[in-house]
Amino acid sequence: MAFSKQQLQKFADLIKIEISDEKLEKMNIDGVIEWLDKLQKIDTTGITPMLSPAEHKLPLREDVVTEPNMRDKILSNTPDTAGVSRGYFAVPKIMDE
């Protein structure tokens, strides 16, 4: 499956990254897609899925509140105090409508 330069530029626009025309020319997307297709064809029947290749368990601790009612102290760290009176951090808008 070959991707055209226009398709790659559309993908880049959809995921909000800028790629120069020179970099698009150098990208070997078709090779990556072929490699992913090969991975999809591997028979994994009977293989137990795993979250991590490491075979260790993390130690758990008791979930205990050590310093209660720290909301005001935490909110005092914000540079933008617009939401502090309502009990939240105000952050810049990041998504288009």
C-alpha atoms as a PDB file:
ATOM      1  CA  MET A   1       0.000   0.000   0.000  1.00  0.00           C
ATOM      2  CA  ALA A   2       1.657   3.209  -1.147  1.00  0.00           C
ATOM      3  CA  PHE A   3       0.770   6.560   0.362  1.00  0.00           C
ATOM      4  CA  SER A   4       0.898   9.692  -1.728  1.00  0.00           C
ATOM      5  CA  LYS A   5       2.545  12.874  -0.525  1.00  0.00           C
ATOM      6  CA  GLN A   6      -0.911  14.452  -0.221  1.00  0.00           C
ATOM      7  CA  GLN A   7      -2.186  11.603   1.961  1.00  0.00           C
ATOM      8  CA  LEU A   8       0.824  11.870   4.257  1.00  0.00           C
ATOM      9  CA  GLN A   9       0.314  15.626   4.530  1.00  0.00           C
ATOM     10  CA  LYS A  10      -3.355  15.031   5.407  1.00  0.00           C
ATOM     11  CA  PHE A  11      -2.344  12.549   8.137  1.00  0.00           C
ATOM     12  CA  ALA A  12       0.108  15.102   9.516  1.00  0.00           C
ATOM     13  CA  ASP A  13      -2.607  17.765   9.529  1.00  0.00           C
ATOM     14  CA  LEU A  14      -5.030  15.436  11.315  1.00  0.00           C
ATOM     15  CA  ILE A  15      -2.562  14.709  14.110  1.00  0.00           C
ATOM     16  CA  LYS A  16      -1.515  18.361  14.286  1.00  0.00           C
ATOM     17  CA  ILE A  17       2.157  18.029  13.337  1.00  0.00           C
ATOM     18  CA  GLU A  18       4.085  19.997  10.777  1.00  0.00           C
ATOM     19  CA  ILE A  19       6.246  18.056   8.315  1.00  0.00           C
ATOM     20  CA  SER A  20       8.217  19.810   5.637  1.00  0.00           C
ATOM     21  CA  ASP A  21       8.012  18.643   2.021  1.00  0.00           C
ATOM     22  CA  GLU A  22      11.665  17.567   2.183  1.00  0.00           C
ATOM     23  CA  LYS A  23      10.968  15.296   5.163  1.00  0.00           C
ATOM     24  CA  LEU A  24       7.903  13.840   3.460  1.00  0.00           C
ATOM     25  CA  GLU A  25      10.073  12.906   0.479  1.00  0.00           C
ATOM     26  CA  LYS A  26      12.545  11.081   2.760  1.00  0.00           C
ATOM     27  CA  MET A  27       9.963   9.208   4.839  1.00  0.00           C
ATOM     28  CA  ASN A  28       9.698   5.481   4.183  1.00  0.00           C
ATOM     29  CA  ILE A  29       6.113   5.040   5.365  1.00  0.00           C
ATOM     30  CA  ASP A  30       5.486   2.157   2.968  1.00  0.00           C
ATOM     31  CA  GLY A  31       8.260   0.148   4.639  1.00  0.00           C
ATOM     32  CA  VAL A  32       6.709   0.722   8.057  1.00  0.00           C
ATOM     33  CA  ILE A  33       3.258  -0.304   6.794  1.00  0.00           C
ATOM     34  CA  GLU A  34       4.699  -3.489   5.264  1.00  0.00           C
ATOM     35  CA  TRP A  35       6.426  -4.310   8.559  1.00  0.00           C
ATOM     36  CA  LEU A  36       3.166  -3.766  10.470  1.00  0.00           C
ATOM     37  CA  ASP A  37       1.352  -6.027   8.001  1.00  0.00           C
ATOM     38  CA  LYS A  38       3.915  -8.769   8.691  1.00  0.00           C
ATOM     39  CA  LEU A  39       3.347  -8.357  12.431  1.00  0.00           C
ATOM     40  CA  GLN A  40      -0.417  -8.687  11.954  1.00  0.00           C
ATOM     41  CA  LYS A  41       0.086 -12.067  10.202  1.00  0.00           C
ATOM     42  CA  ILE A  42       1.985 -13.643  13.118  1.00  0.00           C
ATOM     43  CA  ASP A  43      -0.044 -16.436  14.754  1.00  0.00           C
ATOM     44  CA  THR A  44      -0.375 -15.602  18.462  1.00  0.00           C
ATOM     45  CA  THR A  45      -2.916 -18.314  19.290  1.00  0.00           C
ATOM     46  CA  GLY A  46      -2.292 -19.606  22.788  1.00  0.00           C
ATOM     47  CA  ILE A  47       0.001 -16.721  23.742  1.00  0.00           C
ATOM     48  CA  THR A  48      -1.054 -14.923  26.918  1.00  0.00           C
ATOM     49  CA  PRO A  49      -1.128 -11.159  26.474  1.00  0.00           C
ATOM     50  CA  MET A  50       1.166  -9.261  28.820  1.00  0.00           C
ATOM     51  CA  LEU A  51       1.332  -5.665  29.959  1.00  0.00           C
ATOM     52  CA  SER A  52       5.078  -5.654  30.453  1.00  0.00           C
ATOM     53  CA  PRO A  53       7.952  -7.966  29.559  1.00  0.00           C
ATOM     54  CA  ALA A  54       9.268  -7.590  33.123  1.00  0.00           C
ATOM     55  CA  GLU A  55       8.238 -10.398  35.436  1.00  0.00           C
ATOM     56  CA  HIS A  56       8.017  -8.509  38.708  1.00  0.00           C
ATOM     57  CA  LYS A  57       5.277  -7.203  40.934  1.00  0.00           C
ATOM     58  CA  LEU A  58       5.359  -3.684  42.275  1.00  0.00           C
ATOM     59  CA  PRO A  59       5.021  -3.374  46.025  1.00  0.00           C
ATOM     60  CA  LEU A  60       1.672  -1.963  47.060  1.00  0.00           C
ATOM     61  CA  ARG A  61       1.079   0.311  49.990  1.00  0.00           C
ATOM     62  CA  GLU A  62      -1.994   1.176  51.974  1.00  0.00           C
ATOM     63  CA  ASP A  63      -3.981   4.036  50.463  1.00  0.00           C
ATOM     64  CA  VAL A  64      -4.094   6.383  53.428  1.00  0.00           C
ATOM     65  CA  VAL A  65      -4.718  10.128  53.427  1.00  0.00           C
ATOM     66  CA  THR A  66      -1.761  11.721  55.224  1.00  0.00           C
ATOM     67  CA  GLU A  67      -2.542  15.417  54.805  1.00  0.00           C
ATOM     68  CA  PRO A  68      -6.264  16.065  54.386  1.00  0.00           C
ATOM     69  CA  ASN A  69      -7.886  19.227  52.990  1.00  0.00           C
ATOM     70  CA  MET A  70      -4.921  20.549  50.983  1.00  0.00           C
ATOM     71  CA  ARG A  71      -7.046  21.944  48.124  1.00  0.00           C
ATOM     72  CA  ASP A  72      -6.395  25.607  48.944  1.00  0.00           C
ATOM     73  CA  LYS A  73      -2.670  24.982  49.422  1.00  0.00           C
ATOM     74  CA  ILE A  74      -2.437  23.167  46.089  1.00  0.00           C
ATOM     75  CA  LEU A  75      -4.473  25.793  44.240  1.00  0.00           C
ATOM     76  CA  SER A  76      -2.215  28.541  45.604  1.00  0.00           C
ATOM     77  CA  ASN A  77       0.542  27.236  43.292  1.00  0.00           C
ATOM     78  CA  THR A  78      -1.244  28.177  40.092  1.00  0.00           C
ATOM     79  CA  PRO A  79      -0.042  31.178  38.074  1.00  0.00           C
ATOM     80  CA  ASP A  80      -3.563  31.747  36.683  1.00  0.00           C
ATOM     81  CA  THR A  81      -6.030  32.378  39.499  1.00  0.00           C
ATOM     82  CA  ALA A  82      -9.129  32.480  37.262  1.00  0.00           C
ATOM     83  CA  GLY A  83     -10.473  29.136  38.482  1.00  0.00           C
ATOM     84  CA  VAL A  84      -9.161  29.141  42.047  1.00  0.00           C
ATOM     85  CA  SER A  85     -12.322  30.667  43.539  1.00  0.00           C
ATOM     86  CA  ARG A  86     -14.306  27.797  41.989  1.00  0.00           C
ATOM     87  CA  GLY A  87     -11.835  25.141  43.131  1.00  0.00           C
ATOM     88  CA  TYR A  88     -10.037  24.207  39.910  1.00  0.00           C
ATOM     89  CA  PHE A  89      -6.985  25.063  37.784  1.00  0.00           C
ATOM     90  CA  ALA A  90      -7.669  27.229  34.737  1.00  0.00           C
ATOM     91  CA  VAL A  91      -5.777  25.988  31.689  1.00  0.00           C
ATOM     92  CA  PRO A  92      -5.537  27.347  28.131  1.00  0.00           C
ATOM     93  CA  LYS A  93      -7.912  25.974  25.517  1.00  0.00           C
ATOM     94  CA  ILE A  94      -6.132  23.347  23.416  1.00  0.00           C
ATOM     95  CA  MET A  95      -8.791  22.023  21.041  1.00  0.00           C
ATOM     96  CA  ASP A  96     -10.449  23.650  18.082  1.00  0.00           C
ATOM     97  CA  GLU A  97     -14.209  23.639  17.803  1.00  0.00           C
END
